[in-house]
Amino acid sequence: MLTILNKIPDNFLTTAAEELYKILPGPTLIHLKGRNEKPLFVSTLLHGNETTGLQALQKLLQNYGNKELPRSLSIFIGNVEAAKFSARRLENQPDYNRTWPGTEYVSSEETKMMQQIKEEMRQRNVFASIDIHNNTGLNPHYACVNKLENAFFHLARLFSRTIVYFTRPIGVQSQAFADLCPSTTVECGQVGQTTTVEHAYEFINAALHLSDIPSHPIAKQDVDVFHTIAIVKVPEQATFSFNGDDCQICFDRNLDHMNFKEIKPGTLIGKTHVDNPMHLEAWNNDAINVGDELFDYNNNEIRLKKEVMPAMLTLNEKVIRQDCLCYLMERYPVEFKESK
């Protein structure tokens, strides 16, 4: 499935994500030489409707033109087929950001491809890894890490002072590369916002100019760190809506306004059907459903039982079905120590 190139394909810099299938046969890894040989790895379009990473890379390469890059750059363009339809993934596809080494998915062409990419970058002595995403709800720009190590925080802080540490879901790109180099996932808000492409472009460009990534502790006052404690899902068999339609779970129509706000116990997030109620699932980091520990259902109202901070709450019903309703987080008391 994977195409590997050593130059920018013709028309790549001016082609929209929806049109990439015309110039790329599918998932494509592009290696570009720079002054420093250890490459920066950047992945984008792991979800076909998240286009900011592609636009930022196009802007970067247009700006450099024929000038030498300060560091070699390896670009992975992921789900070209889904991008054609502006879809996260197609119904017959796995999630391209759940199929990396460490995945729970069974072996497939996609899992083998991601393993091939990791081995290719291992051989090239990858410098750092950046995976660029958008989300569908109202969220600030933030970075994620999978290891509590100084270099990971310094790389993430280059993008945002808001950093999320997570260990699930597994099979994600940043986690797969975390044993090779400092890695981060960056969430650039919604597609089409005026600042998203510029912010991602500035981050990639800054990372390209790093001679190394600091290993000394980051200053506590420079970051806000949160930890994912649960992934909230709507049961597969449940009907739900945000518009008050008759269904088993009816959410507040402004639910995504709660993103990155510390929500107090007792906060109402929705209602369940009187005659046929359904409970939300909340999968913790040990893959145990702790939904009834987090949500109360008295009087057919869904209320929080403890203080949490949601992230990635979305009103997009298809995304909820393909991924999740949201992540629940708590502040994380990181002790920044000298690296060994």
C-alpha atoms as a PDB file:
ATOM      1  CA  MET A   1       0.000   0.000   0.000  1.00  0.00           C
ATOM      2  CA  LEU A   2       2.834   2.414   0.833  1.00  0.00           C
ATOM      3  CA  THR A   3       4.501   4.616  -1.769  1.00  0.00           C
ATOM      4  CA  ILE A   4       7.944   5.990  -0.824  1.00  0.00           C
ATOM      5  CA  LEU A   5       9.314   9.053  -2.637  1.00  0.00           C
ATOM      6  CA  ASN A   6      12.506  11.097  -2.364  1.00  0.00           C
ATOM      7  CA  LYS A   7      11.127  14.298  -3.821  1.00  0.00           C
ATOM      8  CA  ILE A   8       7.983  16.385  -3.740  1.00  0.00           C
ATOM      9  CA  PRO A   9       5.454  15.012  -6.259  1.00  0.00           C
ATOM     10  CA  ASP A  10       4.388  17.297  -9.094  1.00  0.00           C
ATOM     11  CA  ASN A  11       1.501  19.589  -8.103  1.00  0.00           C
ATOM     12  CA  PHE A  12       1.647  18.407  -4.478  1.00  0.00           C
ATOM     13  CA  LEU A  13       2.083  21.911  -3.094  1.00  0.00           C
ATOM     14  CA  THR A  14      -1.106  23.248  -4.645  1.00  0.00           C
ATOM     15  CA  THR A  15      -3.432  20.240  -4.459  1.00  0.00           C
ATOM     16  CA  ALA A  16      -6.280  20.189  -1.930  1.00  0.00           C
ATOM     17  CA  ALA A  17      -6.693  17.156   0.310  1.00  0.00           C
ATOM     18  CA  GLU A  18      -9.827  16.114  -1.592  1.00  0.00           C
ATOM     19  CA  GLU A  19      -7.826  16.009  -4.830  1.00  0.00           C
ATOM     20  CA  LEU A  20      -4.679  14.222  -3.585  1.00  0.00           C
ATOM     21  CA  TYR A  21      -5.890  10.903  -4.996  1.00  0.00           C
ATOM     22  CA  LYS A  22      -5.196  12.333  -8.453  1.00  0.00           C
ATOM     23  CA  ILE A  23      -1.457  12.664  -7.769  1.00  0.00           C
ATOM     24  CA  LEU A  24      -0.814  10.081  -5.033  1.00  0.00           C
ATOM     25  CA  PRO A  25      -1.728   6.397  -5.413  1.00  0.00           C
ATOM     26  CA  GLY A  26      -2.467   6.108  -1.692  1.00  0.00           C
ATOM     27  CA  PRO A  27      -0.595   6.491   1.598  1.00  0.00           C
ATOM     28  CA  THR A  28       2.759   8.106   0.783  1.00  0.00           C
ATOM     29  CA  LEU A  29       6.021   8.633   2.679  1.00  0.00           C
ATOM     30  CA  ILE A  30       8.161  11.467   1.287  1.00  0.00           C
ATOM     31  CA  HIS A  31      11.819  11.879   2.326  1.00  0.00           C
ATOM     32  CA  LEU A  32      13.396  15.306   1.757  1.00  0.00           C
ATOM     33  CA  LYS A  33      17.058  16.049   2.477  1.00  0.00           C
ATOM     34  CA  GLY A  34      18.142  18.892   4.735  1.00  0.00           C
ATOM     35  CA  ARG A  35      21.315  20.283   6.277  1.00  0.00           C
ATOM     36  CA  ASN A  36      21.003  18.118   9.384  1.00  0.00           C
ATOM     37  CA  GLU A  37      20.600  14.499   8.331  1.00  0.00           C
ATOM     38  CA  LYS A  38      18.486  13.282  11.282  1.00  0.00           C
ATOM     39  CA  PRO A  39      14.945  13.764   9.945  1.00  0.00           C
ATOM     40  CA  LEU A  40      11.933  15.347  11.527  1.00  0.00           C
ATOM     41  CA  PHE A  41       8.939  13.060  10.910  1.00  0.00           C
ATOM     42  CA  VAL A  42       5.558  14.714  10.314  1.00  0.00           C
ATOM     43  CA  SER A  43       2.351  12.760   9.712  1.00  0.00           C
ATOM     44  CA  THR A  44      -0.915  14.204   8.486  1.00  0.00           C
ATOM     45  CA  LEU A  45      -4.266  13.054   7.107  1.00  0.00           C
ATOM     46  CA  LEU A  46      -4.313   9.977   9.332  1.00  0.00           C
ATOM     47  CA  HIS A  47      -7.928  11.104   9.392  1.00  0.00           C
ATOM     48  CA  GLY A  48      -8.965  12.178   5.920  1.00  0.00           C
ATOM     49  CA  ASN A  49     -11.056  15.149   7.013  1.00  0.00           C
ATOM     50  CA  GLU A  50      -8.307  16.736   9.157  1.00  0.00           C
ATOM     51  CA  THR A  51      -6.488  18.855   6.612  1.00  0.00           C
ATOM     52  CA  THR A  52      -4.538  21.473   8.592  1.00  0.00           C
ATOM     53  CA  GLY A  53      -1.337  19.413   8.624  1.00  0.00           C
ATOM     54  CA  LEU A  54      -1.321  19.073   4.859  1.00  0.00           C
ATOM     55  CA  GLN A  55      -1.919  22.803   4.346  1.00  0.00           C
ATOM     56  CA  ALA A  56       0.819  23.694   6.836  1.00  0.00           C
ATOM     57  CA  LEU A  57       3.319  21.415   5.079  1.00  0.00           C
ATOM     58  CA  GLN A  58       2.385  22.856   1.709  1.00  0.00           C
ATOM     59  CA  LYS A  59       2.949  26.374   3.027  1.00  0.00           C
ATOM     60  CA  LEU A  60       6.284  25.359   4.543  1.00  0.00           C
ATOM     61  CA  LEU A  61       7.597  23.772   1.345  1.00  0.00           C
ATOM     62  CA  GLN A  62       6.343  26.652  -0.786  1.00  0.00           C
ATOM     63  CA  ASN A  63       8.204  29.100   1.456  1.00  0.00           C
ATOM     64  CA  TYR A  64      11.457  27.156   1.259  1.00  0.00           C
ATOM     65  CA  GLY A  65      11.200  26.700  -2.507  1.00  0.00           C
ATOM     66  CA  ASN A  66      14.648  25.682  -3.754  1.00  0.00           C
ATOM     67  CA  LYS A  67      16.379  26.637  -0.476  1.00  0.00           C
ATOM     68  CA  GLU A  68      17.883  23.863   1.620  1.00  0.00           C
ATOM     69  CA  LEU A  69      15.795  22.690   4.570  1.00  0.00           C
ATOM     70  CA  PRO A  70      17.553  23.181   7.916  1.00  0.00           C
ATOM     71  CA  ARG A  71      16.894  19.517   8.713  1.00  0.00           C
ATOM     72  CA  SER A  72      15.829  16.487   6.698  1.00  0.00           C
ATOM     73  CA  LEU A  73      12.066  16.058   6.675  1.00  0.00           C
ATOM     74  CA  SER A  74      10.026  12.875   6.289  1.00  0.00           C
ATOM     75  CA  ILE A  75       6.333  13.422   5.577  1.00  0.00           C
ATOM     76  CA  PHE A  76       3.662  10.738   5.827  1.00  0.00           C
ATOM     77  CA  ILE A  77       0.432  11.503   3.975  1.00  0.00           C
ATOM     78  CA  GLY A  78      -2.070   9.017   5.383  1.00  0.00           C
ATOM     79  CA  ASN A  79      -5.630   8.285   4.336  1.00  0.00           C
ATOM     80  CA  VAL A  80      -5.747   9.727   0.818  1.00  0.00           C
ATOM     81  CA  GLU A  81      -8.819   7.657  -0.029  1.00  0.00           C
ATOM     82  CA  ALA A  82     -10.881   9.043   2.870  1.00  0.00           C
ATOM     83  CA  ALA A  83      -9.633  12.573   2.139  1.00  0.00           C
ATOM     84  CA  LYS A  84     -11.291  12.330  -1.288  1.00  0.00           C
ATOM     85  CA  PHE A  85     -14.642  12.243   0.504  1.00  0.00           C
ATOM     86  CA  SER A  86     -13.665  14.568   3.383  1.00  0.00           C
ATOM     87  CA  ALA A  87     -14.221  11.636   5.738  1.00  0.00           C
ATOM     88  CA  ARG A  88     -12.370  10.641   8.889  1.00  0.00           C
ATOM     89  CA  ARG A  89     -12.209   7.122   7.449  1.00  0.00           C
ATOM     90  CA  LEU A  90     -14.302   5.078   5.047  1.00  0.00           C
ATOM     91  CA  GLU A  91     -16.635   2.415   6.401  1.00  0.00           C
ATOM     92  CA  ASN A  92     -14.431  -0.411   5.095  1.00  0.00           C
ATOM     93  CA  GLN A  93     -11.268   1.041   6.639  1.00  0.00           C
ATOM     94  CA  PRO A  94      -9.694   0.883  10.094  1.00  0.00           C
ATOM     95  CA  ASP A  95      -8.771   4.115  11.834  1.00  0.00           C
ATOM     96  CA  TYR A  96      -5.315   5.107  10.541  1.00  0.00           C
ATOM     97  CA  ASN A  97      -4.454   6.445  13.992  1.00  0.00           C
ATOM     98  CA  ARG A  98      -5.229   3.190  15.767  1.00  0.00           C
ATOM     99  CA  THR A  99      -3.195   0.845  13.538  1.00  0.00           C
ATOM    100  CA  TRP A 100       0.384   1.740  14.543  1.00  0.00           C
ATOM    101  CA  PRO A 101       2.653  -0.740  16.380  1.00  0.00           C
ATOM    102  CA  GLY A 102       1.101  -1.531  19.749  1.00  0.00           C
ATOM    103  CA  THR A 103      -2.398  -1.627  18.255  1.00  0.00           C
ATOM    104  CA  GLU A 104      -5.230  -3.840  19.482  1.00  0.00           C
ATOM    105  CA  TYR A 105      -6.354  -4.309  15.878  1.00  0.00           C
ATOM    106  CA  VAL A 106      -5.738  -7.636  14.158  1.00  0.00           C
ATOM    107  CA  SER A 107      -2.971  -7.749  11.563  1.00  0.00           C
ATOM    108  CA  SER A 108      -3.940  -6.067   8.299  1.00  0.00           C
ATOM    109  CA  GLU A 109      -2.390  -4.233   5.360  1.00  0.00           C
ATOM    110  CA  GLU A 110      -2.667  -1.025   7.375  1.00  0.00           C
ATOM    111  CA  THR A 111      -0.928  -2.381  10.509  1.00  0.00           C
ATOM    112  CA  LYS A 112       1.861  -3.819   8.352  1.00  0.00           C
ATOM    113  CA  MET A 113       2.264  -0.462   6.598  1.00  0.00           C
ATOM    114  CA  MET A 114       2.568   1.431   9.880  1.00  0.00           C
ATOM    115  CA  GLN A 115       5.178  -1.065  11.081  1.00  0.00           C
ATOM    116  CA  GLN A 116       7.089  -0.538   7.827  1.00  0.00           C
ATOM    117  CA  ILE A 117       7.052   3.240   8.330  1.00  0.00           C
ATOM    118  CA  LYS A 118       8.313   2.920  11.897  1.00  0.00           C
ATOM    119  CA  GLU A 119      11.177   0.649  10.821  1.00  0.00           C
ATOM    120  CA  GLU A 120      12.060   2.999   7.963  1.00  0.00           C
ATOM    121  CA  MET A 121      12.297   5.924  10.385  1.00  0.00           C
ATOM    122  CA  ARG A 122      14.224   3.869  12.922  1.00  0.00           C
ATOM    123  CA  GLN A 123      16.849   3.185  10.264  1.00  0.00           C
ATOM    124  CA  ARG A 124      16.992   6.894   9.422  1.00  0.00           C
ATOM    125  CA  ASN A 125      17.619   7.757  13.086  1.00  0.00           C
ATOM    126  CA  VAL A 126      14.539   9.965  13.366  1.00  0.00           C
ATOM    127  CA  PHE A 127      15.052  13.194  15.356  1.00  0.00           C
ATOM    128  CA  ALA A 128      11.488  13.902  16.496  1.00  0.00           C
ATOM    129  CA  SER A 129       7.938  13.018  15.505  1.00  0.00           C
ATOM    130  CA  ILE A 130       4.908  15.276  15.037  1.00  0.00           C
ATOM    131  CA  ASP A 131       1.401  14.036  14.239  1.00  0.00           C
ATOM    132  CA  ILE A 132      -1.008  16.807  13.214  1.00  0.00           C
ATOM    133  CA  HIS A 133      -4.768  16.603  13.793  1.00  0.00           C
ATOM    134  CA  ASN A 134      -7.938  18.653  13.900  1.00  0.00           C
ATOM    135  CA  ASN A 135     -11.045  18.036  15.966  1.00  0.00           C
ATOM    136  CA  THR A 136     -14.719  18.715  15.385  1.00  0.00           C
ATOM    137  CA  GLY A 137     -15.747  20.277  18.705  1.00  0.00           C
ATOM    138  CA  LEU A 138     -14.800  23.605  20.277  1.00  0.00           C
ATOM    139  CA  ASN A 139     -11.303  22.983  21.652  1.00  0.00           C
ATOM    140  CA  PRO A 140      -8.208  25.122  22.159  1.00  0.00           C
ATOM    141  CA  HIS A 141      -4.982  24.185  20.387  1.00  0.00           C
ATOM    142  CA  TYR A 142      -3.090  21.704  22.553  1.00  0.00           C
ATOM    143  CA  ALA A 143      -0.376  19.054  22.398  1.00  0.00           C
ATOM    144  CA  CYS A 144      -0.334  15.457  23.633  1.00  0.00           C
ATOM    145  CA  VAL A 145       2.483  13.249  24.887  1.00  0.00           C
ATOM    146  CA  ASN A 146       2.689   9.559  25.762  1.00  0.00           C
ATOM    147  CA  LYS A 147       5.805   9.705  27.942  1.00  0.00           C
ATOM    148  CA  LEU A 148       6.514  11.834  31.006  1.00  0.00           C
ATOM    149  CA  GLU A 149      10.002  12.790  29.871  1.00  0.00           C
ATOM    150  CA  ASN A 150      11.541  16.242  29.618  1.00  0.00           C
ATOM    151  CA  ALA A 151      12.290  16.132  25.891  1.00  0.00           C
ATOM    152  CA  PHE A 152       8.670  15.200  25.125  1.00  0.00           C
ATOM    153  CA  PHE A 153       7.412  18.172  27.158  1.00  0.00           C
ATOM    154  CA  HIS A 154       9.852  20.570  25.484  1.00  0.00           C
ATOM    155  CA  LEU A 155       8.718  19.439  22.016  1.00  0.00           C
ATOM    156  CA  ALA A 156       5.034  19.708  22.959  1.00  0.00           C
ATOM    157  CA  ARG A 157       5.537  23.099  24.635  1.00  0.00           C
ATOM    158  CA  LEU A 158       6.879  24.426  21.352  1.00  0.00           C
ATOM    159  CA  PHE A 159       3.259  24.128  20.150  1.00  0.00           C
ATOM    160  CA  SER A 160       1.189  24.878  23.269  1.00  0.00           C
ATOM    161  CA  ARG A 161       1.449  25.344  27.024  1.00  0.00           C
ATOM    162  CA  THR A 162      -1.604  23.042  27.332  1.00  0.00           C
ATOM    163  CA  ILE A 163      -0.357  19.449  27.278  1.00  0.00           C
ATOM    164  CA  VAL A 164      -2.353  16.230  27.645  1.00  0.00           C
ATOM    165  CA  TYR A 165      -0.641  13.042  28.783  1.00  0.00           C
ATOM    166  CA  PHE A 166      -2.457   9.895  27.649  1.00  0.00           C
ATOM    167  CA  THR A 167      -1.849   6.154  27.461  1.00  0.00           C
ATOM    168  CA  ARG A 168      -5.092   5.170  25.744  1.00  0.00           C
ATOM    169  CA  PRO A 169      -6.214   4.823  23.019  1.00  0.00           C
ATOM    170  CA  ILE A 170      -3.326   2.653  21.910  1.00  0.00           C
ATOM    171  CA  GLY A 171      -2.053   2.090  18.385  1.00  0.00           C
ATOM    172  CA  VAL A 172      -1.611   5.831  17.830  1.00  0.00           C
ATOM    173  CA  GLN A 173       1.311   7.286  15.885  1.00  0.00           C
ATOM    174  CA  SER A 174       2.899   9.324  18.680  1.00  0.00           C
ATOM    175  CA  GLN A 175       2.894   6.350  21.026  1.00  0.00           C
ATOM    176  CA  ALA A 176       4.437   4.075  18.401  1.00  0.00           C
ATOM    177  CA  PHE A 177       7.341   6.493  17.843  1.00  0.00           C
ATOM    178  CA  ALA A 178       7.871   7.269  21.542  1.00  0.00           C
ATOM    179  CA  ASP A 179      10.589   4.618  21.853  1.00  0.00           C
ATOM    180  CA  LEU A 180      12.464   6.109  18.868  1.00  0.00           C
ATOM    181  CA  CYS A 181      12.451   9.845  19.622  1.00  0.00           C
ATOM    182  CA  PRO A 182      10.523  12.626  21.340  1.00  0.00           C
ATOM    183  CA  SER A 183       7.035  12.602  19.849  1.00  0.00           C
ATOM    184  CA  THR A 184       3.853  14.611  20.126  1.00  0.00           C
ATOM    185  CA  THR A 185       0.353  14.788  18.704  1.00  0.00           C
ATOM    186  CA  VAL A 186      -0.911  18.321  18.148  1.00  0.00           C
ATOM    187  CA  GLU A 187      -4.595  19.198  18.012  1.00  0.00           C
ATOM    188  CA  CYS A 188      -5.139  22.302  15.884  1.00  0.00           C
ATOM    189  CA  GLY A 189      -8.811  23.036  16.552  1.00  0.00           C
ATOM    190  CA  GLN A 190     -11.398  22.894  13.799  1.00  0.00           C
ATOM    191  CA  VAL A 191     -10.638  22.793  10.088  1.00  0.00           C
ATOM    192  CA  GLY A 192     -11.089  26.191   8.487  1.00  0.00           C
ATOM    193  CA  GLN A 193     -10.271  28.337  11.509  1.00  0.00           C
ATOM    194  CA  THR A 194      -8.014  31.195  10.452  1.00  0.00           C
ATOM    195  CA  THR A 195      -5.202  30.441  12.892  1.00  0.00           C
ATOM    196  CA  THR A 196      -4.908  26.666  12.471  1.00  0.00           C
ATOM    197  CA  VAL A 197      -2.659  26.431   9.413  1.00  0.00           C
ATOM    198  CA  GLU A 198      -0.400  29.275  10.546  1.00  0.00           C
ATOM    199  CA  HIS A 199       0.057  27.740  13.997  1.00  0.00           C
ATOM    200  CA  ALA A 200       0.895  24.291  12.602  1.00  0.00           C
ATOM    201  CA  TYR A 201       3.258  25.828  10.035  1.00  0.00           C
ATOM    202  CA  GLU A 202       5.124  27.806  12.698  1.00  0.00           C
ATOM    203  CA  PHE A 203       5.446  24.702  14.868  1.00  0.00           C
ATOM    204  CA  ILE A 204       6.883  22.512  12.089  1.00  0.00           C
ATOM    205  CA  ASN A 205       9.274  25.255  11.045  1.00  0.00           C
ATOM    206  CA  ALA A 206      10.444  25.776  14.628  1.00  0.00           C
ATOM    207  CA  ALA A 207      11.029  22.035  15.072  1.00  0.00           C
ATOM    208  CA  LEU A 208      13.048  21.929  11.842  1.00  0.00           C
ATOM    209  CA  HIS A 209      15.366  24.592  13.263  1.00  0.00           C
ATOM    210  CA  LEU A 210      16.053  22.795  16.550  1.00  0.00           C
ATOM    211  CA  SER A 211      19.635  21.588  16.810  1.00  0.00           C
ATOM    212  CA  ASP A 212      18.570  19.338  19.666  1.00  0.00           C
ATOM    213  CA  ILE A 213      15.662  18.953  22.090  1.00  0.00           C
ATOM    214  CA  PRO A 214      16.427  19.956  25.684  1.00  0.00           C
ATOM    215  CA  SER A 215      16.538  17.223  28.313  1.00  0.00           C
ATOM    216  CA  HIS A 216      16.515  19.553  31.334  1.00  0.00           C
ATOM    217  CA  PRO A 217      13.258  19.953  33.286  1.00  0.00           C
ATOM    218  CA  ILE A 218      10.693  22.339  31.892  1.00  0.00           C
ATOM    219  CA  ALA A 219       9.520  25.123  34.215  1.00  0.00           C
ATOM    220  CA  LYS A 220       6.266  24.174  35.974  1.00  0.00           C
ATOM    221  CA  GLN A 221       4.753  27.596  35.338  1.00  0.00           C
ATOM    222  CA  ASP A 222       5.292  27.165  31.590  1.00  0.00           C
ATOM    223  CA  VAL A 223       2.825  24.302  31.124  1.00  0.00           C
ATOM    224  CA  ASP A 224      -0.617  23.092  32.165  1.00  0.00           C
ATOM    225  CA  VAL A 225      -0.606  19.298  32.149  1.00  0.00           C
ATOM    226  CA  PHE A 226      -3.715  17.124  32.111  1.00  0.00           C
ATOM    227  CA  HIS A 227      -4.109  13.360  32.126  1.00  0.00           C
ATOM    228  CA  THR A 228      -6.807  11.409  30.305  1.00  0.00           C
ATOM    229  CA  ILE A 229      -8.712   9.207  32.783  1.00  0.00           C
ATOM    230  CA  ALA A 230     -11.475   7.860  30.529  1.00  0.00           C
ATOM    231  CA  ILE A 231     -12.727   7.691  26.954  1.00  0.00           C
ATOM    232  CA  VAL A 232     -16.503   8.197  26.842  1.00  0.00           C
ATOM    233  CA  LYS A 233     -18.487   6.311  24.231  1.00  0.00           C
ATOM    234  CA  VAL A 234     -22.154   6.038  23.330  1.00  0.00           C
ATOM    235  CA  PRO A 235     -23.169   2.349  23.366  1.00  0.00           C
ATOM    236  CA  GLU A 236     -23.303   0.973  19.843  1.00  0.00           C
ATOM    237  CA  GLN A 237     -26.950  -0.030  20.177  1.00  0.00           C
ATOM    238  CA  ALA A 238     -28.105   3.290  21.654  1.00  0.00           C
ATOM    239  CA  THR A 239     -29.863   6.050  19.737  1.00  0.00           C
ATOM    240  CA  PHE A 240     -28.805   9.609  20.580  1.00  0.00           C
ATOM    241  CA  SER A 241     -29.127  13.199  19.417  1.00  0.00           C
ATOM    242  CA  PHE A 242     -28.395  16.827  20.309  1.00  0.00           C
ATOM    243  CA  ASN A 243     -31.606  18.326  18.957  1.00  0.00           C
ATOM    244  CA  GLY A 244     -34.226  17.011  21.382  1.00  0.00           C
ATOM    245  CA  ASP A 245     -35.478  14.221  19.122  1.00  0.00           C
ATOM    246  CA  ASP A 246     -37.041  11.200  20.813  1.00  0.00           C
ATOM    247  CA  CYS A 247     -34.067   8.910  21.493  1.00  0.00           C
ATOM    248  CA  GLN A 248     -32.427   6.909  24.264  1.00  0.00           C
ATOM    249  CA  ILE A 249     -29.797   9.560  25.064  1.00  0.00           C
ATOM    250  CA  CYS A 250     -30.453  13.237  24.384  1.00  0.00           C
ATOM    251  CA  PHE A 251     -27.408  15.436  24.990  1.00  0.00           C
ATOM    252  CA  ASP A 252     -27.291  19.150  25.741  1.00  0.00           C
ATOM    253  CA  ARG A 253     -27.101  20.961  22.385  1.00  0.00           C
ATOM    254  CA  ASN A 254     -24.201  23.117  23.658  1.00  0.00           C
ATOM    255  CA  LEU A 255     -22.235  20.201  25.085  1.00  0.00           C
ATOM    256  CA  ASP A 256     -19.019  21.046  23.227  1.00  0.00           C
ATOM    257  CA  HIS A 257     -18.814  24.380  25.083  1.00  0.00           C
ATOM    258  CA  MET A 258     -17.640  22.344  28.104  1.00  0.00           C
ATOM    259  CA  ASN A 259     -14.338  21.392  26.455  1.00  0.00           C
ATOM    260  CA  PHE A 260     -11.271  22.248  28.550  1.00  0.00           C
ATOM    261  CA  LYS A 261     -13.373  23.582  31.406  1.00  0.00           C
ATOM    262  CA  GLU A 262     -13.283  22.023  34.860  1.00  0.00           C
ATOM    263  CA  ILE A 263     -16.844  20.753  35.240  1.00  0.00           C
ATOM    264  CA  LYS A 264     -18.258  20.378  38.748  1.00  0.00           C
ATOM    265  CA  PRO A 265     -20.062  17.275  40.098  1.00  0.00           C
ATOM    266  CA  GLY A 266     -23.785  17.442  39.456  1.00  0.00           C
ATOM    267  CA  THR A 267     -23.469  19.184  36.081  1.00  0.00           C
ATOM    268  CA  LEU A 268     -26.238  18.095  33.702  1.00  0.00           C
ATOM    269  CA  ILE A 269     -24.990  16.840  30.330  1.00  0.00           C
ATOM    270  CA  GLY A 270     -28.119  15.162  28.977  1.00  0.00           C
ATOM    271  CA  LYS A 271     -31.144  12.988  29.619  1.00  0.00           C
ATOM    272  CA  THR A 272     -32.065   9.359  29.064  1.00  0.00           C
ATOM    273  CA  HIS A 273     -35.340   7.966  27.753  1.00  0.00           C
ATOM    274  CA  VAL A 274     -37.905   7.311  30.494  1.00  0.00           C
ATOM    275  CA  ASP A 275     -38.965   3.897  29.177  1.00  0.00           C
ATOM    276  CA  ASN A 276     -35.750   2.708  27.533  1.00  0.00           C
ATOM    277  CA  PRO A 277     -32.725   4.383  29.170  1.00  0.00           C
ATOM    278  CA  MET A 278     -29.117   3.704  28.184  1.00  0.00           C
ATOM    279  CA  HIS A 279     -25.934   4.368  30.136  1.00  0.00           C
ATOM    280  CA  LEU A 280     -22.764   5.877  28.688  1.00  0.00           C
ATOM    281  CA  GLU A 281     -19.571   3.836  28.546  1.00  0.00           C
ATOM    282  CA  ALA A 282     -16.388   5.322  30.023  1.00  0.00           C
ATOM    283  CA  TRP A 283     -13.281   3.222  29.419  1.00  0.00           C
ATOM    284  CA  ASN A 284     -10.379   3.905  31.762  1.00  0.00           C
ATOM    285  CA  ASN A 285      -6.671   3.367  31.126  1.00  0.00           C
ATOM    286  CA  ASP A 286      -6.986  -0.298  32.119  1.00  0.00           C
ATOM    287  CA  ALA A 287      -9.739  -0.793  29.506  1.00  0.00           C
ATOM    288  CA  ILE A 288     -12.401  -1.135  32.226  1.00  0.00           C
ATOM    289  CA  ASN A 289     -15.813   0.473  31.795  1.00  0.00           C
ATOM    290  CA  VAL A 290     -16.174   2.877  34.743  1.00  0.00           C
ATOM    291  CA  GLY A 291     -19.145   4.772  33.355  1.00  0.00           C
ATOM    292  CA  ASP A 292     -21.350   4.280  36.401  1.00  0.00           C
ATOM    293  CA  GLU A 293     -18.561   5.691  38.605  1.00  0.00           C
ATOM    294  CA  LEU A 294     -18.491   8.904  36.564  1.00  0.00           C
ATOM    295  CA  PHE A 295     -22.150   9.480  35.659  1.00  0.00           C
ATOM    296  CA  ASP A 296     -25.359   9.542  37.721  1.00  0.00           C
ATOM    297  CA  TYR A 297     -28.747   8.719  36.141  1.00  0.00           C
ATOM    298  CA  ASN A 298     -31.318   9.718  38.762  1.00  0.00           C
ATOM    299  CA  ASN A 299     -34.630  11.003  37.350  1.00  0.00           C
ATOM    300  CA  ASN A 300     -33.409  10.042  33.857  1.00  0.00           C
ATOM    301  CA  GLU A 301     -30.892  12.908  33.956  1.00  0.00           C
ATOM    302  CA  ILE A 302     -27.228  12.311  33.129  1.00  0.00           C
ATOM    303  CA  ARG A 303     -25.059  14.202  35.609  1.00  0.00           C
ATOM    304  CA  LEU A 304     -21.377  14.069  36.435  1.00  0.00           C
ATOM    305  CA  LYS A 305     -20.401  12.416  39.719  1.00  0.00           C
ATOM    306  CA  LYS A 306     -16.919  13.958  40.014  1.00  0.00           C
ATOM    307  CA  GLU A 307     -15.023  17.013  38.813  1.00  0.00           C
ATOM    308  CA  VAL A 308     -13.476  16.412  35.389  1.00  0.00           C
ATOM    309  CA  MET A 309     -12.296  18.345  32.355  1.00  0.00           C
ATOM    310  CA  PRO A 310     -13.711  17.127  29.011  1.00  0.00           C
ATOM    311  CA  ALA A 311     -11.776  17.332  25.755  1.00  0.00           C
ATOM    312  CA  MET A 312     -12.877  16.694  22.188  1.00  0.00           C
ATOM    313  CA  LEU A 313     -16.587  16.841  22.994  1.00  0.00           C
ATOM    314  CA  THR A 314     -18.202  16.988  19.577  1.00  0.00           C
ATOM    315  CA  LEU A 315     -21.693  17.362  18.135  1.00  0.00           C
ATOM    316  CA  ASN A 316     -20.704  15.383  15.033  1.00  0.00           C
ATOM    317  CA  GLU A 317     -22.717  12.172  15.270  1.00  0.00           C
ATOM    318  CA  LYS A 318     -20.613  10.283  12.715  1.00  0.00           C
ATOM    319  CA  VAL A 319     -17.376  11.077  14.553  1.00  0.00           C
ATOM    320  CA  ILE A 320     -18.995   9.933  17.813  1.00  0.00           C
ATOM    321  CA  ARG A 321     -19.915   6.628  16.197  1.00  0.00           C
ATOM    322  CA  GLN A 322     -16.482   6.143  14.606  1.00  0.00           C
ATOM    323  CA  ASP A 323     -14.470   7.300  17.620  1.00  0.00           C
ATOM    324  CA  CYS A 324     -15.965   8.605  20.861  1.00  0.00           C
ATOM    325  CA  LEU A 325     -18.084  11.296  22.507  1.00  0.00           C
ATOM    326  CA  CYS A 326     -15.130  12.782  24.395  1.00  0.00           C
ATOM    327  CA  TYR A 327     -12.164  12.248  26.687  1.00  0.00           C
ATOM    328  CA  LEU A 328     -12.327  13.055  30.388  1.00  0.00           C
ATOM    329  CA  MET A 329      -9.234  14.494  32.025  1.00  0.00           C
ATOM    330  CA  GLU A 330      -7.846  15.620  35.369  1.00  0.00           C
ATOM    331  CA  ARG A 331      -4.955  17.937  36.192  1.00  0.00           C
ATOM    332  CA  TYR A 332      -1.745  15.939  36.422  1.00  0.00           C
ATOM    333  CA  PRO A 333       0.825  16.733  39.127  1.00  0.00           C
ATOM    334  CA  VAL A 334       4.001  16.247  37.093  1.00  0.00           C
ATOM    335  CA  GLU A 335       7.330  16.323  38.917  1.00  0.00           C
ATOM    336  CA  PHE A 336       9.827  17.595  36.380  1.00  0.00           C
ATOM    337  CA  LYS A 337      13.159  15.943  37.186  1.00  0.00           C
ATOM    338  CA  GLU A 338      16.615  15.923  35.648  1.00  0.00           C
ATOM    339  CA  SER A 339      16.898  13.290  32.911  1.00  0.00           C
ATOM    340  CA  LYS A 340      19.150  10.363  33.704  1.00  0.00           C
END
